[in-house]
Protein backbone atom coordinates (compact mmCIF):
# COMPACT_ATOMS: atom_id res chain seq x y z
CA MET A 1 -6.97 12.93 5.39
CA PHE A 2 -7.50 11.16 2.07
CA THR A 3 -7.50 7.36 1.95
CA ASN A 4 -5.27 5.59 -0.56
CA PRO A 5 -7.53 3.47 -2.84
CA GLU A 6 -5.44 0.41 -1.94
CA ASN A 7 -6.53 0.85 1.67
CA LEU A 8 -10.25 1.13 0.98
CA THR A 9 -12.34 -1.92 1.77
CA LEU A 10 -14.23 -3.50 -1.08
CA ASN A 11 -17.49 -2.40 0.51
CA GLN A 12 -16.23 1.18 0.64
CA ILE A 13 -15.46 1.04 -3.07
CA GLU A 14 -19.02 -0.20 -3.60
CA GLU A 15 -20.30 2.76 -1.55
CA ILE A 16 -18.32 5.26 -3.61
CA GLU A 17 -19.52 3.77 -6.89
CA ARG A 18 -23.12 3.66 -5.66
CA ALA A 19 -23.02 7.32 -4.62
CA SER A 20 -21.45 8.24 -7.97
CA ALA A 21 -24.17 6.35 -9.85
CA ARG A 22 -26.79 8.28 -7.88
CA LEU A 23 -25.15 11.57 -8.82
CA VAL A 24 -24.99 10.79 -12.55
CA THR A 25 -28.50 9.34 -12.60
CA GLN A 26 -30.00 12.38 -10.89
CA ALA A 27 -28.17 14.75 -13.26
CA ILE A 28 -29.42 12.93 -16.37
CA PHE A 29 -32.93 12.52 -14.91
CA GLU A 30 -33.30 16.24 -14.26
CA PHE A 31 -32.04 17.00 -17.77
CA ARG A 32 -34.05 14.31 -19.63
CA ASP A 33 -36.72 16.56 -21.17
CA ILE A 34 -34.13 19.06 -22.37
CA ALA A 35 -32.08 16.13 -23.69
CA ALA A 36 -35.08 14.90 -25.71
CA ASP A 37 -35.54 18.37 -27.15
CA ILE A 38 -31.85 18.61 -28.07
CA PHE A 39 -31.92 15.21 -29.79
CA ARG A 40 -35.04 16.24 -31.72
CA ARG A 41 -33.67 19.59 -32.90
CA GLU A 42 -29.98 18.85 -33.49
CA SER A 43 -28.64 17.92 -36.91
CA ASP A 44 -25.37 16.50 -35.56
CA LEU A 45 -24.77 12.77 -35.27
CA PRO A 46 -26.65 11.26 -32.29
CA GLN A 47 -23.37 10.10 -30.72
CA ASP A 48 -22.05 13.67 -30.73
CA VAL A 49 -25.34 14.93 -29.30
CA ALA A 50 -25.20 12.30 -26.54
CA GLU A 51 -21.74 13.43 -25.48
CA ASP A 52 -22.86 17.08 -25.31
CA VAL A 53 -26.00 16.17 -23.34
CA THR A 54 -24.05 14.22 -20.72
CA ARG A 55 -21.53 17.00 -20.20
CA GLU A 56 -24.21 19.69 -19.95
CA ALA A 57 -26.34 17.64 -17.53
CA LEU A 58 -23.42 17.03 -15.16
CA ASP A 59 -22.20 20.64 -15.40
CA ARG A 60 -25.69 21.86 -14.47
CA LEU A 61 -25.91 19.66 -11.41
CA GLY A 62 -22.38 20.51 -10.38
CA VAL A 63 -19.50 18.28 -9.36
CA SER A 64 -16.63 19.13 -7.01
CA LYS A 65 -13.27 19.76 -8.68
CA MET A 66 -9.65 19.12 -7.84
CA ASP A 67 -6.58 20.29 -9.75
CA GLN A 68 -5.74 17.13 -11.68
CA ARG A 69 -5.83 16.65 -15.45
CA LEU A 70 -7.25 13.32 -16.62
CA TYR A 71 -6.62 11.57 -19.91
CA GLY A 72 -8.34 8.74 -21.75
CA LYS A 73 -11.12 7.85 -24.19
CA ILE A 74 -13.96 9.11 -21.99
CA ASP A 75 -16.40 11.94 -22.79
CA TYR A 76 -16.67 13.46 -19.31
CA LYS A 77 -13.65 13.37 -17.00
CA ARG A 78 -13.59 15.03 -13.59
CA ALA A 79 -11.08 14.68 -10.76
CA ARG A 80 -13.06 15.35 -7.60
CA TYR A 81 -13.30 14.75 -3.87
CA VAL A 82 -15.65 12.23 -2.25
CA PHE A 83 -16.37 12.82 1.44
CA HIS A 84 -17.92 10.17 3.67
CA PRO A 85 -18.42 10.39 7.46
CA GLU A 86 -15.75 7.72 7.95
CA TYR A 87 -13.29 8.51 5.15
CA ALA A 88 -12.47 10.79 2.22
CA VAL A 89 -11.02 9.83 -1.15
CA ARG A 90 -9.86 11.44 -4.35
CA GLN A 91 -11.79 10.16 -7.35
CA ALA A 92 -11.47 10.28 -11.13
CA LEU A 93 -15.11 10.26 -12.22
CA LEU A 94 -15.29 9.03 -15.84
CA VAL A 95 -18.66 9.16 -17.61
CA ASP A 96 -18.94 7.93 -21.19
CA SER A 97 -21.92 8.37 -23.53
CA LYS A 98 -23.36 5.88 -26.00
CA ALA A 99 -26.13 6.50 -28.53
CA GLU A 100 -27.73 3.62 -30.41
CA LYS A 101 -30.91 2.59 -32.19
CA GLY A 102 -32.61 -0.69 -31.40
CA ASP A 103 -30.24 -2.22 -28.83
CA ALA A 104 -31.31 -1.28 -25.32
CA ALA A 105 -29.66 -4.29 -23.70
CA THR A 106 -25.92 -3.58 -23.99
CA ALA A 107 -23.25 -0.91 -24.27
CA THR A 108 -20.16 -1.45 -26.41
CA ILE A 109 -16.90 -0.41 -24.74
CA GLN A 110 -13.17 -0.39 -25.38
CA THR A 111 -10.45 -1.74 -23.11
CA GLY A 112 -9.40 1.84 -22.34
CA GLN A 113 -12.76 2.40 -20.62
CA THR A 114 -12.48 -0.28 -17.93
CA SER A 115 -10.04 -1.27 -15.22
CA MET A 116 -11.54 -4.78 -15.06
CA ARG A 117 -10.18 -7.81 -16.83
CA ILE A 118 -12.72 -8.74 -19.50
CA ARG A 119 -13.54 -12.41 -19.07
CA HIS A 120 -16.19 -14.03 -21.24
CA VAL A 121 -16.68 -16.77 -23.83
CA ARG A 122 -16.40 -15.98 -27.55
CA SER A 123 -16.75 -18.61 -30.28
CA SER A 124 -16.76 -21.32 -27.57
CA ALA A 125 -13.36 -20.19 -26.30
CA PRO A 126 -12.64 -18.31 -23.05
CA VAL A 127 -11.42 -14.72 -23.39
CA ASP A 128 -9.40 -12.91 -20.71
CA VAL A 129 -8.31 -9.43 -21.81
CA PRO A 130 -7.00 -6.82 -19.34
CA GLY A 131 -8.63 -3.41 -19.22
CA ASP A 132 -6.24 -0.58 -20.02
CA LEU A 133 -7.68 1.85 -17.48
CA GLU A 134 -5.80 2.00 -14.19
CA ARG A 135 -7.76 1.17 -11.05
CA ALA A 136 -6.16 4.19 -9.42
CA ILE A 137 -4.18 7.07 -10.96
CA SER A 138 -1.66 8.64 -8.56
CA ASN A 139 -3.74 7.58 -5.54
CA ILE A 140 -6.97 8.72 -7.26
CA LEU A 141 -9.66 6.04 -7.49
CA THR A 142 -11.11 5.65 -10.99
CA THR A 143 -14.87 5.21 -11.34
CA THR A 144 -16.48 4.54 -14.73
CA ILE A 145 -20.16 5.11 -15.54
CA PHE A 146 -21.87 4.74 -18.92
CA VAL A 147 -24.91 6.65 -20.13
CA LYS A 148 -26.73 4.88 -22.98
CA TYR A 149 -29.18 6.93 -25.07
CA LEU A 150 -31.67 4.82 -27.01
CA TYR A 151 -33.22 6.72 -29.91
CA GLU A 152 -35.19 6.23 -33.10
CA ASP A 153 -35.50 8.13 -36.38
CA SER A 154 -39.02 9.09 -37.23
CA PRO A 155 -37.78 11.13 -39.23
CA GLN A 156 -36.59 13.35 -36.40
CA THR A 157 -34.27 11.82 -33.85
CA LEU A 158 -36.51 10.85 -30.93
CA LEU A 159 -34.96 9.94 -27.60
CA ARG A 160 -36.82 7.00 -26.07
CA MET A 161 -34.86 5.78 -23.05
CA ILE A 162 -31.68 6.46 -21.10
CA THR A 163 -29.78 3.77 -19.20
CA ILE A 164 -27.10 4.53 -16.62
CA ALA A 165 -24.70 1.66 -15.91
CA ALA A 166 -22.06 1.84 -13.18
CA LEU A 167 -19.20 -0.41 -14.24
CA PRO A 168 -17.42 -2.04 -11.28
CA SER A 169 -13.83 -1.13 -10.50
CA GLY A 170 -11.14 -3.65 -11.29
CA TYR A 171 -10.73 -3.96 -7.51
CA LEU A 172 -14.11 -5.74 -7.53
CA GLN A 173 -13.14 -8.24 -10.24
CA GLU A 174 -13.71 -11.38 -8.18
CA ILE A 175 -17.23 -10.27 -7.26
CA TYR A 176 -18.48 -9.31 -10.70
CA ASN A 177 -16.43 -11.28 -13.24
CA PRO A 178 -14.29 -13.99 -11.64
CA THR A 179 -14.39 -16.35 -14.65
CA ALA A 180 -15.29 -16.37 -18.34
CA GLU A 181 -18.51 -18.21 -17.46
CA ASP A 182 -19.47 -15.95 -14.55
CA THR A 183 -19.52 -12.73 -16.53
CA ILE A 184 -21.20 -9.41 -17.22
CA TRP A 185 -19.85 -9.28 -20.79
CA ARG A 186 -20.79 -10.42 -24.28
CA ALA A 187 -18.62 -10.53 -27.40
CA GLY A 188 -18.29 -7.17 -29.12
CA ARG A 189 -19.08 -6.17 -32.67
CA ASN A 190 -15.50 -6.48 -33.88
CA ALA A 191 -13.99 -9.03 -36.24
CA PRO A 192 -10.62 -10.32 -34.97
CA SER A 193 -10.03 -11.96 -38.35
CA LEU A 194 -10.04 -8.49 -39.94
CA GLY A 195 -7.69 -7.05 -37.36
CA GLU A 196 -10.37 -4.82 -35.85
CA ALA A 197 -9.69 -3.39 -32.39
CA PHE A 198 -11.04 -5.40 -29.48
CA ARG A 199 -14.54 -4.44 -28.33
CA VAL A 200 -16.85 -5.96 -25.78
CA ARG A 201 -20.48 -5.44 -24.83
CA LEU A 202 -21.52 -4.79 -21.26
CA VAL A 203 -24.80 -6.67 -20.73
CA PHE A 204 -27.09 -4.58 -18.54
CA ALA A 205 -29.23 -7.52 -17.38
CA ARG A 206 -26.18 -9.48 -16.19
CA LEU A 207 -24.80 -6.48 -14.31
CA LYS A 208 -28.22 -5.75 -12.79
CA GLN A 209 -28.52 -9.36 -11.66
CA LYS A 210 -25.19 -9.02 -9.86
CA MET A 211 -26.14 -5.73 -8.20
CA ARG A 212 -29.49 -4.14 -8.96
CA TRP A 213 -28.56 -0.51 -8.30
CA ARG A 214 -25.77 -0.57 -10.89
CA VAL A 215 -28.27 -0.24 -13.75
CA GLN A 216 -30.86 2.55 -13.70
CA THR A 217 -33.38 3.19 -16.48
CA ILE A 218 -34.93 6.56 -17.27
CA PRO A 219 -37.91 6.40 -19.67
CA VAL A 220 -38.42 9.41 -21.90
CA PRO A 221 -42.13 10.00 -22.65
CA ALA A 222 -43.08 10.83 -26.21
CA SER A 223 -44.38 14.18 -24.94
CA ALA A 224 -40.92 15.15 -23.65
CA ALA A 225 -40.09 17.62 -26.37
CA SER A 226 -39.56 20.92 -24.65
CA SER A 227 -37.21 22.43 -22.12
CA GLU A 228 -40.32 24.00 -20.56
CA SER A 229 -41.41 20.61 -19.18
CA ILE A 230 -41.84 20.31 -15.43
CA VAL A 231 -38.90 18.51 -13.85
CA ILE A 232 -39.62 15.95 -11.13
CA PRO A 233 -36.93 16.70 -8.53
CA SER A 234 -36.01 13.15 -7.55
CA PHE A 235 -35.40 9.99 -9.53
CA PRO A 236 -37.18 6.82 -8.27
CA TRP A 237 -33.95 4.94 -7.54
CA ASP A 238 -34.17 1.24 -8.38
CA ASP A 239 -32.64 -0.64 -5.46
CA GLU A 240 -35.28 -3.23 -4.64
CA GLY A 241 -33.79 -6.57 -3.70
CA ALA A 242 -30.25 -5.24 -4.02
CA GLN A 243 -27.54 -7.63 -2.95
CA SER A 244 -24.42 -6.84 -1.00
CA PRO A 245 -20.97 -8.10 -1.96
CA VAL A 246 -20.09 -11.28 -0.12
CA VAL A 247 -16.86 -9.87 1.27
CA SER A 248 -15.66 -8.88 4.68
CA THR A 249 -15.73 -5.16 5.41
CA GLU A 250 -12.10 -5.59 6.50
CA VAL A 251 -10.91 -6.87 3.11
CA THR A 252 -8.99 -4.29 1.08
CA PRO A 253 -7.91 -4.47 -2.58
CA SER A 254 -4.33 -5.07 -1.51
CA ASP A 255 -5.44 -8.25 0.30
CA ILE A 256 -6.65 -9.85 -2.93
CA ALA A 257 -4.45 -11.21 -5.71
CA LEU A 258 -5.91 -9.86 -8.95
């Protein structure tokens, strides 16, 4: 009944990631006012608060479960089933939280959080570093989504905006990051000369230009300070002018040399 990820078409992988992005976006959207209240009241570090908010938002919405333990440097990990009229697949849904002040344009990630090869230019030299996350774990398709919480101190911690970014699977490498020049990445805030671990920044504008729906932005009004706020039931999904991958629906990951 369940399709091996290697036998999915590239367009099917896009469909699965798009549906997953909708799920995460809706969960965070419905929870946004409570999230703002939590950020304002909590004394913990904003990064720790962000991780708690993401987990609570997804637990409230509810996600299907399968009996499979997942490992890795990701805040929220859930092995689940994805059912489509034409196929079904097992998925490892991985959602990581980021909390930062000032920078609304990027999210900093580690190689263990992506199955893509990271190709970009740093210090005028091309970089090509493999992601450490498997594209599929025991026939379970991995899907990675980032939730970026932009906040300010004033002096309370005020949540201003939330960005959801659906990172493409490594199966989609040639569509989203075929070369160091055609990239969705920017050099990370690490110093190789000091032996610091490799980091890279996912640039939201570049990813959005590739595929508009992969980046969704949720504004948090200044008045959002109470869990008693009225929740709008549906997020205004940003899909205007969305492109489609220029691939045949018959092409599968196993047909492409990555």
